[in-house]
Amino acid sequence: MTQRDFLKAVGRNIDQIRKEKGLSFQEMADRCNLEKSSLVRLAGQGTNITMATLYKIAKGLQVPVREIFEF
């Protein structure tokens, strides 16, 4: 798996968790205190994010950080 593939897989998994929770991108952005555009980019392109952003996403989705890497 390349780095690009890994980032895309993380983004897809975050998006899948968002959908399972029934959240729109805007609702997730509000919960995570992030910009909606950043989350859309992450889900679609698998952008490289910081550990702080990863923490915010996990907290906003109410899942352990490790769940984001379960793919």
Protein backbone atom coordinates (compact mmCIF):
# COMPACT_ATOMS: atom_id res chain seq x y z
CA MET A 1 0.00 0.00 0.00
CA THR A 2 1.42 3.36 -0.98
CA GLN A 3 1.21 6.45 1.19
CA ARG A 4 -1.42 7.89 -1.18
CA ASP A 5 -3.49 4.68 -0.92
CA PHE A 6 -3.23 4.82 2.86
CA LEU A 7 -4.43 8.44 3.03
CA LYS A 8 -7.34 7.66 0.71
CA ALA A 9 -8.30 4.64 2.84
CA VAL A 10 -8.28 6.77 5.99
CA GLY A 11 -10.43 9.39 4.27
CA ARG A 12 -12.90 6.78 3.02
CA ASN A 13 -13.13 5.22 6.47
CA ILE A 14 -13.80 8.57 8.14
CA ASP A 15 -16.50 9.23 5.55
CA GLN A 16 -18.03 5.80 6.16
CA ILE A 17 -18.17 6.42 9.91
CA ARG A 18 -19.78 9.81 9.23
CA LYS A 19 -22.45 8.17 7.08
CA GLU A 20 -23.08 5.41 9.64
CA LYS A 21 -23.69 8.10 12.25
CA GLY A 22 -26.14 9.82 9.88
CA LEU A 23 -24.19 13.07 9.79
CA SER A 24 -23.91 15.54 6.95
CA PHE A 25 -20.51 17.05 6.24
CA GLN A 26 -21.68 20.28 7.87
CA GLU A 27 -22.88 18.50 11.02
CA MET A 28 -19.58 16.66 11.26
CA ALA A 29 -17.64 19.89 10.70
CA ASP A 30 -19.59 21.55 13.51
CA ARG A 31 -18.94 18.63 15.87
CA CYS A 32 -15.23 18.53 15.01
CA ASN A 33 -14.72 22.31 14.95
CA LEU A 34 -13.31 22.04 11.42
CA GLU A 35 -14.13 23.54 8.06
CA LYS A 36 -16.62 21.57 5.97
CA SER A 37 -14.40 21.98 2.89
CA SER A 38 -11.50 20.30 4.72
CA LEU A 39 -13.64 17.28 5.56
CA VAL A 40 -15.00 17.01 2.03
CA ARG A 41 -11.43 17.11 0.69
CA LEU A 42 -10.32 14.49 3.22
CA ALA A 43 -13.16 12.12 2.29
CA GLY A 44 -12.67 12.55 -1.44
CA GLN A 45 -8.93 12.89 -1.85
CA GLY A 46 -7.44 11.48 1.33
CA THR A 47 -5.50 14.58 2.32
CA ASN A 48 -2.72 14.32 4.86
CA ILE A 49 -3.96 15.58 8.25
CA THR A 50 -2.27 16.34 11.55
CA MET A 51 -2.61 14.27 14.67
CA ALA A 52 -4.55 17.15 16.25
CA THR A 53 -7.06 17.06 13.39
CA LEU A 54 -7.33 13.30 13.66
CA TYR A 55 -8.08 13.69 17.36
CA LYS A 56 -10.78 16.30 16.64
CA ILE A 57 -12.39 14.02 14.06
CA ALA A 58 -12.41 10.99 16.36
CA LYS A 59 -13.80 13.07 19.22
CA GLY A 60 -16.46 14.64 16.98
CA LEU A 61 -17.51 11.25 15.64
CA GLN A 62 -17.39 9.78 19.15
CA VAL A 63 -15.12 6.91 18.16
CA PRO A 64 -11.68 5.86 19.37
CA VAL A 65 -8.86 7.05 17.12
CA ARG A 66 -7.94 3.46 16.33
CA GLU A 67 -11.33 2.93 14.65
CA ILE A 68 -10.33 5.40 11.95
CA PHE A 69 -7.54 3.00 10.95
CA GLU A 70 -9.68 -0.15 10.88
CA PHE A 71 -9.97 -0.80 7.16
